[in-house]
Amino acid sequence: MASTVQQQLFSLASSVDPRTKADASFTLATIGTIDGDKFPAQTLLDFYNSARAVAAYVISYKKGLRERQEAANNTIRNTTATFTAGVLTKPTGHIYTKSLLDATGKVISILPVDQIPYATRLDSLVNPIVFEEQLVFRSEHGNTYIPDGNTYIHRYIGVVPFVLTDVTGGITTETFSSFYEPILLQLAVAFAQMQGQVQVMALAEQLIGGGQ
């Protein structure tokens, strides 16, 4: 069973900031509502959200298709997306794209970046193609076949950041698969210990590993 965000933040606080500014112990009811001795409530949540973003990113390139889809319990998100000069930046928490469409419903094909030498010549107005890089989707022809605009439809599996009301309500559950919950806490602890992005990314790769 998935933990609530409140439970996850309580576990994080217990590890890195177990006392409030008033020198009292945190409880589930107070987590997210008052500041800790070391960190404000929002900062503690920021550590956790940063951990989730790093985990999503590592899963997106370390795991196979089935595991990428299952990582966020197959939760499909539909968002409007913006292309500028043939580039679409992936949203924070993106794991796997299901489809990319223009405003008329025309499919934009997504290919691995190593297919650029072979597939670029197939790109056209009737068959627009983007290549998937680490943080973006990119057309080799700029905005020639994919005009600039903010009406594109991006359907993807991933996670979105939590806000404090997700914590204090005690109802919102973690959208990552429960398998990843202890990993998220370890990454959040690393951020709270002021480890840099590179170090936390390396830790995430070690904890998440590969797979198909």
Foldseek 3Di string as FASTA:
>chain_A
DFAAVLVLLLVLCVVQFQAFCVRHGDDSQCQLPGQGVVGGSVVLLVLLLVLLLLLLLLLQPFEDDVCLCPQLPNDKDKDFWWAAQFKTFDDRFFRFWPFKAALVRQTEAEAAPVCCVPCLVVDDLNHHYWYDDSGMTGRPRGCPNPHTDRGMMTIGDGDDRDDSCSNNVRPHGRSGDNVCSVVSSVLSSCVSVVDDPVVSSVSSCVVVPHYD
